[in-house]
Amino acid sequence: MYNPMGETKIKQNKVGEMKMSIFEVIMLLCFGAAWPFSIYKSYTSKSTAGKSLVFLLILLTGYVAGVLHKAFYSYDKVIFLYIINFCMVSVDTILYLRNSKQESHSVNNF
C-alpha cells in the first residue's frame, strides 16, 4: 500500500489488513499506564504543582494526530489506545484547569 509521505510502504498481512507495530502498542501502553497516577495526583492534591497546561495541550495535539493518522493512513486496533490516552490526558487537563481556578481563588481570598 502506498504511503502518502513517500518514505516506505506499509506492510500488510495476508488478508489485506494493516499489521500493528508491537513497539507502538508498548509505547502507548506505557504512556497509558502513567496517566491514571497523574490524574489521581491532580484530583487529590488539588494543585497544579508540577503540571504544565502547555505540555498537556501538546500531548493532546499529539494524540489527535495519532488518531487521525490511524484513521486515514494506517487503521488498526491501536487507534483505541490513542483514544484512551487522549481521554485520560483530557481528564488531567480538566483537573488542571479546575485546580488552577481553585488556586487563584484561594490566593485572591488572602
N, C-alpha and C. Protein backbone atom coordinates (compact mmCIF):
# COMPACT_ATOMS: atom_id res chain seq x y z
N MET A 1 0.85 -1.18 0.00
CA MET A 1 0.00 0.00 0.00
C MET A 1 0.89 1.23 0.00
N TYR A 2 0.51 2.24 -0.75
CA TYR A 2 1.29 3.46 -0.88
C TYR A 2 1.15 4.32 0.36
N ASN A 3 2.27 4.78 0.85
CA ASN A 3 2.30 5.71 1.98
C ASN A 3 2.39 7.12 1.41
N PRO A 4 1.42 8.00 1.71
CA PRO A 4 1.43 9.35 1.11
C PRO A 4 2.63 10.18 1.49
N MET A 5 3.32 9.81 2.56
CA MET A 5 4.52 10.55 2.95
C MET A 5 5.69 10.19 2.04
N GLY A 6 5.56 9.11 1.29
CA GLY A 6 6.53 8.78 0.27
C GLY A 6 7.76 8.04 0.75
N GLU A 7 7.90 7.76 2.06
CA GLU A 7 9.14 7.15 2.53
C GLU A 7 9.18 5.65 2.30
N THR A 8 8.20 4.94 2.82
CA THR A 8 8.23 3.48 2.76
C THR A 8 6.84 2.96 2.46
N LYS A 9 6.76 1.70 2.20
CA LYS A 9 5.46 1.08 2.03
C LYS A 9 5.02 0.50 3.36
N ILE A 10 3.72 0.49 3.59
CA ILE A 10 3.15 -0.06 4.80
C ILE A 10 2.98 -1.56 4.60
N LYS A 11 3.43 -2.35 5.57
CA LYS A 11 3.32 -3.80 5.46
C LYS A 11 1.88 -4.24 5.69
N GLN A 12 1.46 -5.23 4.93
CA GLN A 12 0.13 -5.77 5.10
C GLN A 12 0.23 -7.27 5.33
N ASN A 13 -0.75 -7.83 6.07
CA ASN A 13 -0.75 -9.27 6.22
C ASN A 13 -1.53 -9.89 5.08
N LYS A 14 -1.73 -11.20 5.14
CA LYS A 14 -2.31 -11.92 4.01
C LYS A 14 -3.74 -11.51 3.68
N VAL A 15 -4.52 -11.09 4.66
CA VAL A 15 -5.91 -10.73 4.37
C VAL A 15 -6.06 -9.26 4.01
N GLY A 16 -4.97 -8.52 3.92
CA GLY A 16 -5.01 -7.14 3.50
C GLY A 16 -5.14 -6.14 4.62
N GLU A 17 -5.16 -6.61 5.87
CA GLU A 17 -5.24 -5.69 7.00
C GLU A 17 -3.85 -5.21 7.36
N MET A 18 -3.79 -4.01 7.93
CA MET A 18 -2.52 -3.46 8.36
C MET A 18 -2.01 -4.22 9.58
N LYS A 19 -0.71 -4.39 9.66
CA LYS A 19 -0.11 -5.00 10.84
C LYS A 19 0.13 -3.94 11.90
N MET A 20 -0.14 -4.31 13.14
CA MET A 20 0.14 -3.40 14.25
C MET A 20 1.62 -3.49 14.59
N SER A 21 2.18 -2.40 15.00
CA SER A 21 3.55 -2.39 15.48
C SER A 21 3.54 -2.67 16.97
N ILE A 22 4.20 -3.72 17.38
CA ILE A 22 4.26 -4.07 18.80
C ILE A 22 4.94 -2.94 19.59
N PHE A 23 5.87 -2.25 18.97
CA PHE A 23 6.56 -1.16 19.65
C PHE A 23 5.63 0.03 19.89
N GLU A 24 4.76 0.30 18.94
CA GLU A 24 3.78 1.36 19.10
C GLU A 24 2.80 1.00 20.22
N VAL A 25 2.39 -0.26 20.26
CA VAL A 25 1.48 -0.73 21.31
C VAL A 25 2.13 -0.59 22.68
N ILE A 26 3.39 -1.02 22.80
CA ILE A 26 4.10 -0.93 24.07
C ILE A 26 4.24 0.53 24.51
N MET A 27 4.59 1.41 23.57
CA MET A 27 4.74 2.82 23.89
C MET A 27 3.43 3.39 24.43
N LEU A 28 2.33 3.12 23.75
CA LEU A 28 1.04 3.66 24.17
C LEU A 28 0.57 3.04 25.48
N LEU A 29 0.85 1.77 25.70
CA LEU A 29 0.50 1.14 26.97
C LEU A 29 1.30 1.74 28.13
N CYS A 30 2.57 2.02 27.89
CA CYS A 30 3.40 2.64 28.94
C CYS A 30 2.91 4.05 29.26
N PHE A 31 2.64 4.84 28.23
CA PHE A 31 2.09 6.17 28.47
C PHE A 31 0.74 6.06 29.19
N GLY A 32 -0.08 5.13 28.72
CA GLY A 32 -1.40 4.95 29.30
C GLY A 32 -1.35 4.50 30.75
N ALA A 33 -0.34 3.75 31.11
CA ALA A 33 -0.21 3.29 32.50
C ALA A 33 0.14 4.43 33.43
N ALA A 34 0.78 5.47 32.94
CA ALA A 34 1.19 6.60 33.78
C ALA A 34 0.05 7.57 34.06
N TRP A 35 -0.89 7.70 33.13
CA TRP A 35 -1.92 8.74 33.27
C TRP A 35 -2.84 8.55 34.46
N PRO A 36 -3.27 7.35 34.80
CA PRO A 36 -4.13 7.23 36.00
C PRO A 36 -3.46 7.77 37.27
N PHE A 37 -2.15 7.58 37.41
CA PHE A 37 -1.43 8.11 38.56
C PHE A 37 -1.41 9.64 38.54
N SER A 38 -1.20 10.20 37.36
CA SER A 38 -1.19 11.66 37.21
C SER A 38 -2.58 12.23 37.51
N ILE A 39 -3.61 11.56 37.02
CA ILE A 39 -4.98 12.01 37.27
C ILE A 39 -5.29 11.94 38.77
N TYR A 40 -4.91 10.84 39.40
CA TYR A 40 -5.15 10.69 40.84
C TYR A 40 -4.45 11.79 41.63
N LYS A 41 -3.20 12.07 41.27
CA LYS A 41 -2.44 13.13 41.96
C LYS A 41 -3.11 14.49 41.77
N SER A 42 -3.54 14.77 40.55
CA SER A 42 -4.21 16.04 40.27
C SER A 42 -5.51 16.16 41.05
N TYR A 43 -6.25 15.06 41.13
CA TYR A 43 -7.54 15.07 41.81
C TYR A 43 -7.39 15.22 43.32
N THR A 44 -6.46 14.48 43.90
CA THR A 44 -6.33 14.50 45.36
C THR A 44 -5.57 15.71 45.88
N SER A 45 -4.56 16.17 45.15
CA SER A 45 -3.74 17.28 45.63
C SER A 45 -4.43 18.63 45.42
N LYS A 46 -5.31 18.70 44.44
CA LYS A 46 -5.97 19.96 44.07
C LYS A 46 -4.94 21.06 43.82
N SER A 47 -3.84 20.66 43.20
CA SER A 47 -2.74 21.58 42.94
C SER A 47 -2.27 21.42 41.50
N THR A 48 -1.73 22.50 40.96
CA THR A 48 -1.16 22.45 39.62
C THR A 48 0.37 22.28 39.67
N ALA A 49 0.89 22.11 40.87
CA ALA A 49 2.35 21.97 41.02
C ALA A 49 2.85 20.79 40.19
N GLY A 50 3.90 21.05 39.45
CA GLY A 50 4.49 20.01 38.62
C GLY A 50 3.75 19.74 37.32
N LYS A 51 2.75 20.54 37.02
CA LYS A 51 1.97 20.37 35.79
C LYS A 51 2.17 21.58 34.88
N SER A 52 1.95 21.37 33.61
CA SER A 52 2.05 22.45 32.63
C SER A 52 0.90 22.32 31.65
N LEU A 53 0.09 23.36 31.55
CA LEU A 53 -1.03 23.35 30.61
C LEU A 53 -0.52 23.24 29.18
N VAL A 54 0.56 23.92 28.88
CA VAL A 54 1.12 23.85 27.51
C VAL A 54 1.53 22.42 27.19
N PHE A 55 2.18 21.75 28.13
CA PHE A 55 2.59 20.36 27.93
C PHE A 55 1.38 19.47 27.69
N LEU A 56 0.34 19.62 28.50
CA LEU A 56 -0.86 18.81 28.33
C LEU A 56 -1.51 19.05 26.97
N LEU A 57 -1.54 20.31 26.53
CA LEU A 57 -2.13 20.63 25.23
C LEU A 57 -1.29 20.07 24.08
N ILE A 58 0.01 20.07 24.24
CA ILE A 58 0.88 19.46 23.22
C ILE A 58 0.61 17.95 23.14
N LEU A 59 0.46 17.31 24.29
CA LEU A 59 0.15 15.88 24.30
C LEU A 59 -1.19 15.60 23.63
N LEU A 60 -2.19 16.41 23.93
CA LEU A 60 -3.50 16.23 23.30
C LEU A 60 -3.39 16.37 21.78
N THR A 61 -2.63 17.35 21.34
CA THR A 61 -2.42 17.54 19.90
C THR A 61 -1.75 16.32 19.29
N GLY A 62 -0.76 15.78 19.99
CA GLY A 62 -0.08 14.58 19.50
C GLY A 62 -1.00 13.38 19.39
N TYR A 63 -1.86 13.20 20.41
CA TYR A 63 -2.80 12.07 20.35
C TYR A 63 -3.84 12.27 19.25
N VAL A 64 -4.29 13.49 19.02
CA VAL A 64 -5.20 13.75 17.90
C VAL A 64 -4.52 13.40 16.58
N ALA A 65 -3.26 13.80 16.45
CA ALA A 65 -2.51 13.47 15.22
C ALA A 65 -2.38 11.96 15.06
N GLY A 66 -2.14 11.25 16.16
CA GLY A 66 -2.05 9.79 16.10
C GLY A 66 -3.35 9.16 15.67
N VAL A 67 -4.47 9.64 16.21
CA VAL A 67 -5.78 9.11 15.84
C VAL A 67 -6.06 9.39 14.36
N LEU A 68 -5.78 10.60 13.91
CA LEU A 68 -6.01 10.94 12.50
C LEU A 68 -5.14 10.10 11.57
N HIS A 69 -3.89 9.89 11.95
CA HIS A 69 -3.01 9.05 11.13
C HIS A 69 -3.57 7.63 11.04
N LYS A 70 -3.98 7.10 12.19
CA LYS A 70 -4.52 5.74 12.18
C LYS A 70 -5.81 5.68 11.37
N ALA A 71 -6.65 6.69 11.49
CA ALA A 71 -7.94 6.68 10.79
C ALA A 71 -7.78 6.78 9.28
N PHE A 72 -6.81 7.59 8.83
CA PHE A 72 -6.70 7.85 7.39
C PHE A 72 -5.62 7.06 6.66
N TYR A 73 -4.55 6.65 7.36
CA TYR A 73 -3.42 6.05 6.66
C TYR A 73 -3.03 4.66 7.13
N SER A 74 -3.34 4.31 8.34
CA SER A 74 -2.83 3.05 8.86
C SER A 74 -3.78 2.49 9.92
N TYR A 75 -5.03 2.31 9.54
CA TYR A 75 -6.05 1.91 10.51
C TYR A 75 -5.76 0.52 11.07
N ASP A 76 -5.74 0.45 12.38
CA ASP A 76 -5.69 -0.82 13.09
C ASP A 76 -6.22 -0.59 14.50
N LYS A 77 -6.22 -1.63 15.31
CA LYS A 77 -6.80 -1.55 16.64
C LYS A 77 -6.05 -0.62 17.59
N VAL A 78 -4.84 -0.23 17.23
CA VAL A 78 -4.05 0.66 18.07
C VAL A 78 -4.73 2.02 18.22
N ILE A 79 -5.60 2.37 17.29
CA ILE A 79 -6.31 3.65 17.36
C ILE A 79 -7.03 3.78 18.70
N PHE A 80 -7.50 2.67 19.25
CA PHE A 80 -8.21 2.72 20.53
C PHE A 80 -7.29 3.10 21.68
N LEU A 81 -6.02 2.72 21.60
CA LEU A 81 -5.06 3.14 22.63
C LEU A 81 -4.83 4.64 22.56
N TYR A 82 -4.75 5.17 21.34
CA TYR A 82 -4.62 6.63 21.19
C TYR A 82 -5.84 7.34 21.78
N ILE A 83 -7.03 6.81 21.51
CA ILE A 83 -8.25 7.43 22.01
C ILE A 83 -8.32 7.37 23.53
N ILE A 84 -7.98 6.22 24.11
CA ILE A 84 -7.98 6.08 25.57
C ILE A 84 -6.99 7.04 26.20
N ASN A 85 -5.79 7.12 25.65
CA ASN A 85 -4.78 8.05 26.17
C ASN A 85 -5.24 9.50 26.03
N PHE A 86 -5.86 9.82 24.90
CA PHE A 86 -6.39 11.17 24.70
C PHE A 86 -7.42 11.50 25.79
N CYS A 87 -8.30 10.55 26.07
CA CYS A 87 -9.32 10.78 27.11
C CYS A 87 -8.69 11.00 28.48
N MET A 88 -7.66 10.22 28.80
CA MET A 88 -7.01 10.39 30.10
C MET A 88 -6.29 11.73 30.20
N VAL A 89 -5.62 12.15 29.14
CA VAL A 89 -4.96 13.46 29.16
C VAL A 89 -6.00 14.57 29.22
N SER A 90 -7.14 14.36 28.58
CA SER A 90 -8.23 15.35 28.66
C SER A 90 -8.71 15.50 30.10
N VAL A 91 -8.88 14.38 30.80
CA VAL A 91 -9.29 14.43 32.21
C VAL A 91 -8.25 15.18 33.03
N ASP A 92 -6.99 14.88 32.81
CA ASP A 92 -5.92 15.56 33.55
C ASP A 92 -5.91 17.05 33.23
N THR A 93 -6.19 17.41 31.99
CA THR A 93 -6.25 18.82 31.59
C THR A 93 -7.42 19.53 32.28
N ILE A 94 -8.56 18.88 32.33
CA ILE A 94 -9.72 19.45 33.02
C ILE A 94 -9.41 19.63 34.50
N LEU A 95 -8.77 18.65 35.12
CA LEU A 95 -8.39 18.77 36.53
C LEU A 95 -7.38 19.91 36.72
N TYR A 96 -6.46 20.06 35.78
CA TYR A 96 -5.50 21.17 35.85
C TYR A 96 -6.25 22.50 35.86
N LEU A 97 -7.22 22.66 34.96
CA LEU A 97 -7.98 23.91 34.89
C LEU A 97 -8.79 24.14 36.17
N ARG A 98 -9.39 23.07 36.68
CA ARG A 98 -10.13 23.18 37.95
C ARG A 98 -9.20 23.60 39.08
N ASN A 99 -8.06 22.92 39.19
CA ASN A 99 -7.11 23.22 40.26
C ASN A 99 -6.54 24.63 40.13
N SER A 100 -6.29 25.06 38.91
CA SER A 100 -5.77 26.40 38.67
C SER A 100 -6.79 27.44 39.13
N LYS A 101 -8.05 27.20 38.83
CA LYS A 101 -9.11 28.11 39.24
C LYS A 101 -9.21 28.16 40.77
N GLN A 102 -9.13 26.99 41.42
CA GLN A 102 -9.19 26.95 42.88
C GLN A 102 -7.99 27.65 43.50
N GLU A 103 -6.82 27.48 42.91
CA GLU A 103 -5.63 28.15 43.42
C GLU A 103 -5.75 29.67 43.29
N SER A 104 -6.28 30.13 42.17
CA SER A 104 -6.41 31.59 42.00
C SER A 104 -7.44 32.16 42.97
N HIS A 105 -8.50 31.41 43.28
CA HIS A 105 -9.49 31.86 44.24
C HIS A 105 -8.90 31.91 45.64
N SER A 106 -8.09 30.92 45.98
CA SER A 106 -7.51 30.89 47.34
C SER A 106 -6.48 32.01 47.50
N VAL A 107 -5.75 32.38 46.45
CA VAL A 107 -4.79 33.49 46.51
C VAL A 107 -5.53 34.81 46.65
N ASN A 108 -6.63 34.96 45.93
CA ASN A 108 -7.41 36.20 45.97
C ASN A 108 -8.12 36.39 47.30
N ASN A 109 -8.36 35.31 48.04
CA ASN A 109 -9.06 35.41 49.32
C ASN A 109 -8.15 35.86 50.45
N PHE A 110 -6.84 35.85 50.22
CA PHE A 110 -5.90 36.28 51.27
C PHE A 110 -5.67 37.72 51.19
